[in-house]
Protein backbone atom coordinates (compact mmCIF):
# COMPACT_ATOMS: atom_id res chain seq x y z
CA MET A 1 -10.52 -53.02 45.08
CA ARG A 2 -10.01 -55.96 42.67
CA LEU A 3 -8.24 -58.99 43.90
CA GLY A 4 -6.17 -61.24 41.75
CA ARG A 5 -5.59 -58.69 39.03
CA VAL A 6 -1.82 -59.24 39.12
CA PRO A 7 -0.18 -62.60 39.92
CA ARG A 8 2.08 -62.34 42.91
CA LYS A 9 4.33 -64.81 44.67
CA VAL A 10 5.80 -64.19 48.09
CA ARG A 11 8.30 -66.35 49.94
CA LEU A 12 8.89 -65.75 53.55
CA HIS A 13 10.74 -67.44 56.34
CA LEU A 14 8.40 -68.98 58.94
CA PRO A 15 9.07 -66.38 61.76
CA ASP A 16 8.55 -63.57 59.27
CA MET A 17 5.25 -65.14 58.06
CA LEU A 18 3.97 -65.57 61.62
CA ALA A 19 4.93 -61.99 62.43
CA LEU A 20 2.97 -60.83 59.46
CA THR A 21 -0.02 -62.99 59.70
CA GLY A 22 -0.35 -63.41 63.53
CA ASP A 23 -2.80 -61.65 65.60
CA PRO A 24 -1.27 -59.19 68.04
CA LEU A 25 -3.81 -60.08 70.62
CA THR A 26 -2.91 -63.71 70.54
CA PRO A 27 -0.34 -64.70 73.25
CA PRO A 28 2.94 -66.05 71.80
CA GLY A 29 3.19 -69.77 71.59
CA THR A 30 -0.50 -70.39 71.32
CA GLU A 31 -0.67 -70.59 67.47
CA THR A 32 -1.78 -74.02 66.21
CA VAL A 33 -1.00 -75.96 62.91
CA GLY A 34 -2.53 -79.04 61.63
CA THR A 35 0.41 -80.58 59.91
CA ILE A 36 4.17 -79.83 59.39
CA ASN A 37 6.11 -81.67 56.68
CA VAL A 38 9.79 -82.11 57.44
CA ALA A 39 12.22 -83.51 54.84
CA LEU A 40 15.04 -85.42 56.34
CA ALA A 41 18.42 -86.11 54.66
CA ASP A 42 18.05 -89.81 55.61
CA PRO A 43 14.33 -90.94 55.55
CA ALA A 44 15.33 -93.96 57.78
CA ASP A 45 15.81 -91.39 60.67
CA ALA A 46 12.09 -90.39 60.49
CA ARG A 47 11.09 -92.48 63.64
CA ALA A 48 14.06 -91.35 65.66
CA PHE A 49 13.46 -87.78 64.76
CA ALA A 50 9.83 -87.96 65.69
CA ALA A 51 10.69 -89.54 69.00
CA ASP A 52 13.26 -86.76 69.70
CA VAL A 53 10.67 -84.13 68.93
CA ASN A 54 7.97 -85.97 70.76
CA THR A 55 9.87 -85.57 73.97
CA ARG A 56 9.72 -81.75 73.66
CA THR A 57 6.25 -81.62 71.96
CA PRO A 58 3.95 -84.58 72.87
CA GLY A 59 1.74 -85.82 70.04
CA VAL A 60 4.19 -85.86 67.27
CA PHE A 61 4.45 -88.96 65.12
CA ALA A 62 6.16 -90.06 61.86
CA GLY A 63 3.83 -90.43 58.87
CA ARG A 64 3.88 -90.12 55.09
CA ALA A 65 4.28 -86.59 53.73
CA ILE A 66 0.98 -84.90 52.86
CA ARG A 67 0.89 -83.26 49.48
CA PRO A 68 -0.27 -79.70 49.17
CA GLY A 69 -3.96 -79.54 48.20
CA SER A 70 -4.69 -83.09 49.43
CA ASN A 71 -7.95 -82.21 51.09
CA GLY A 72 -11.19 -83.81 50.01
CA THR A 73 -12.21 -81.34 47.34
CA PHE A 74 -8.89 -81.41 45.43
CA VAL A 75 -8.72 -85.17 45.78
CA VAL A 76 -12.11 -85.64 44.17
CA LEU A 77 -11.21 -83.24 41.38
CA GLU A 78 -7.84 -85.05 40.85
CA ARG A 79 -9.64 -88.35 40.59
CA PHE A 80 -12.26 -87.02 38.33
CA HIS A 81 -9.66 -85.66 35.87
CA LEU A 82 -7.82 -88.99 36.14
CA ALA A 83 -10.90 -90.92 35.14
CA ILE A 84 -11.58 -88.59 32.16
CA ALA A 85 -7.96 -89.08 31.10
CA ILE A 86 -8.12 -92.87 31.34
CA VAL A 87 -11.46 -93.04 29.32
CA THR A 88 -10.00 -90.66 26.67
CA ILE A 89 -6.77 -92.71 26.24
CA VAL A 90 -8.60 -95.98 25.91
CA ALA A 91 -11.08 -94.57 23.40
CA ALA A 92 -8.33 -92.85 21.42
CA THR A 93 -6.29 -96.07 21.44
CA VAL A 94 -9.23 -98.17 19.98
CA PHE A 95 -9.88 -95.46 17.36
CA LEU A 96 -6.17 -95.37 16.47
CA LEU A 97 -5.99 -99.10 16.20
CA ALA A 98 -9.07 -99.24 13.91
CA LEU A 99 -7.56 -96.45 11.68
CA SER A 100 -4.27 -98.18 11.56
CA ILE A 101 -5.89 -101.45 10.45
CA MET A 102 -7.66 -99.64 7.55
CA LEU A 103 -4.51 -97.77 6.56
CA VAL A 104 -2.39 -100.96 6.63
CA ASP A 105 -5.05 -102.88 4.66
CA GLU A 106 -4.74 -100.36 1.86
CA ARG A 107 -1.03 -101.21 1.55
CA ARG A 108 -1.41 -104.83 1.40
CA GLY A 109 -0.34 -104.91 -2.23
CA THR A 110 2.89 -103.20 -1.50
CA VAL A 111 3.56 -105.56 1.49
CA GLY A 112 2.77 -108.56 -0.76
CA VAL A 113 5.32 -107.43 -3.43
CA LEU A 114 7.98 -106.93 -0.78
CA ARG A 115 7.37 -110.41 0.54
CA LEU A 116 7.54 -111.84 -3.07
CA ILE A 117 10.96 -110.20 -3.74
CA GLY A 118 12.32 -111.90 -0.62
CA LEU A 119 12.07 -109.39 2.13
CA PRO A 120 11.47 -111.19 5.46
CA SER A 121 8.54 -110.33 7.64
CA ARG A 122 10.75 -109.29 10.43
CA ARG A 123 12.51 -106.52 8.29
CA ILE A 124 9.13 -105.34 7.13
CA LEU A 125 7.80 -105.14 10.58
CA LEU A 126 10.90 -103.21 11.75
CA GLN A 127 10.35 -100.71 8.96
CA VAL A 128 6.72 -100.41 9.99
CA LEU A 129 7.87 -99.96 13.58
CA LEU A 130 10.16 -97.08 12.61
CA GLU A 131 7.53 -95.57 10.56
CA GLY A 132 5.05 -95.79 13.43
CA LEU A 133 7.50 -94.13 15.85
CA LEU A 134 8.02 -91.32 13.38
CA ILE A 135 4.37 -90.71 12.89
CA ALA A 136 3.57 -91.00 16.58
CA GLY A 137 6.40 -88.60 17.49
CA ALA A 138 5.11 -86.06 14.81
CA GLY A 139 1.56 -86.47 16.25
CA ALA A 140 2.78 -85.94 19.79
CA ALA A 141 4.68 -82.81 18.81
CA PHE A 142 1.60 -81.50 17.01
CA GLY A 143 -0.57 -82.18 20.03
CA LEU A 144 1.94 -80.41 22.42
CA ALA A 145 2.00 -77.35 20.12
CA LEU A 146 -1.71 -77.32 20.10
CA ALA A 147 -1.78 -77.70 23.87
CA PHE A 148 0.61 -74.75 24.36
CA VAL A 149 -1.42 -72.50 22.01
CA SER A 150 -4.67 -73.52 23.66
CA GLU A 151 -3.22 -72.88 27.02
CA GLY A 152 -2.65 -69.15 26.33
CA LEU A 153 -6.10 -68.89 24.72
CA ILE A 154 -7.88 -70.60 27.51
CA ASN A 155 -6.21 -68.59 30.19
CA ARG A 156 -6.74 -65.30 28.47
CA PHE A 157 -10.52 -65.97 27.96
CA PHE A 158 -11.23 -67.08 31.51
CA GLN A 159 -9.10 -64.39 33.00
CA TRP A 160 -11.10 -61.87 30.94
CA ARG A 161 -14.35 -63.57 31.75
CA TYR A 162 -13.79 -63.69 35.59
CA ASP A 163 -11.56 -60.54 35.71
CA THR A 164 -8.73 -62.31 37.54
CA ALA A 165 -5.13 -63.19 37.06
CA LEU A 166 -5.50 -66.89 38.09
CA VAL A 167 -3.95 -69.40 35.84
CA PHE A 168 -6.60 -71.96 34.90
CA VAL A 169 -4.56 -74.20 32.49
CA ALA A 170 -0.82 -74.90 32.78
CA VAL A 171 1.05 -77.34 30.54
CA THR A 172 4.28 -78.03 32.46
CA SER A 173 7.31 -80.01 31.37
CA ARG A 174 6.18 -83.01 33.50
CA VAL A 175 2.77 -83.06 31.78
CA ALA A 176 4.37 -82.71 28.37
CA ALA A 177 6.83 -85.60 29.05
CA LEU A 178 4.06 -87.79 30.35
CA CYS A 179 1.95 -87.17 27.21
CA VAL A 180 4.83 -88.05 24.94
CA ALA A 181 5.70 -91.13 26.94
CA ILE A 182 2.08 -92.32 26.46
CA ALA A 183 1.37 -91.22 22.99
CA VAL A 184 4.49 -92.46 21.16
CA PRO A 185 4.45 -96.06 22.42
CA LEU A 186 0.71 -96.35 21.95
CA GLY A 187 0.86 -95.04 18.40
CA ALA A 188 3.75 -97.32 17.49
CA ALA A 189 2.02 -100.31 19.13
CA ALA A 190 -1.20 -99.69 17.27
CA ILE A 191 0.58 -99.55 13.88
CA VAL A 192 2.76 -102.67 14.61
CA THR A 193 -0.32 -104.61 15.85
CA ALA A 194 -2.23 -103.80 12.64
CA SER A 195 0.86 -104.71 10.52
CA TRP A 196 1.44 -107.93 12.33
CA ALA A 197 -2.08 -109.10 11.50
CA LEU A 198 -1.49 -108.28 7.95
CA LEU A 199 2.03 -109.95 7.73
CA ARG A 200 0.54 -113.35 8.79
CA ARG A 201 -1.12 -113.67 5.43
CA GLY A 202 0.50 -115.28 2.56
CA ALA A 203 2.56 -113.20 0.11
CA LEU A 204 0.42 -114.19 -2.90
CA ARG A 205 -2.72 -113.44 -1.16
CA LEU A 206 -1.33 -109.97 -0.17
CA ALA A 207 -0.23 -109.19 -3.75
CA ARG A 208 -3.51 -110.30 -5.27
CA ARG A 209 -5.98 -107.44 -5.80
């Protein structure tokens, strides 16, 4: 028998799940659970609700909701992935800033001519900002497209390799929105920062080759 060949999701009411998974030899009412999360319409009633339940079942207290998979192993993995993501974003930002400085420096002649014909630095900087937003948005769209394509390839490879139907990579809408929210401002900020350093120079110095 092969397990995990076909992905399946089952939703049951709690009594049905207990009847399905319970041991017939176990006396009713002796099942134990570690934690039960209860969502209240008004979070301010948490203490009153806990006190009311505690009168019937001693030992109940109000606490913060525990996320699924919040045990030690998954917490370590989540922090490890977060550390990798932070290092990657910082390194990519530094590289992008250096690349933006080189690209802007190549256009110093054009910027100098624009300054000489009377365009103020603020207008040039606004144009650079719009250009940076456009480039960053296009880069984010390309990155998301690459991520979606890679998601299918990675899942197919590892599902074939381990003969399972488990999903190893999932690019959700929340992840995509977070990536865009990080990539677009950082890209635009890098281009504006590089351009601002260039616009501080004199117009004649910029136009001179």
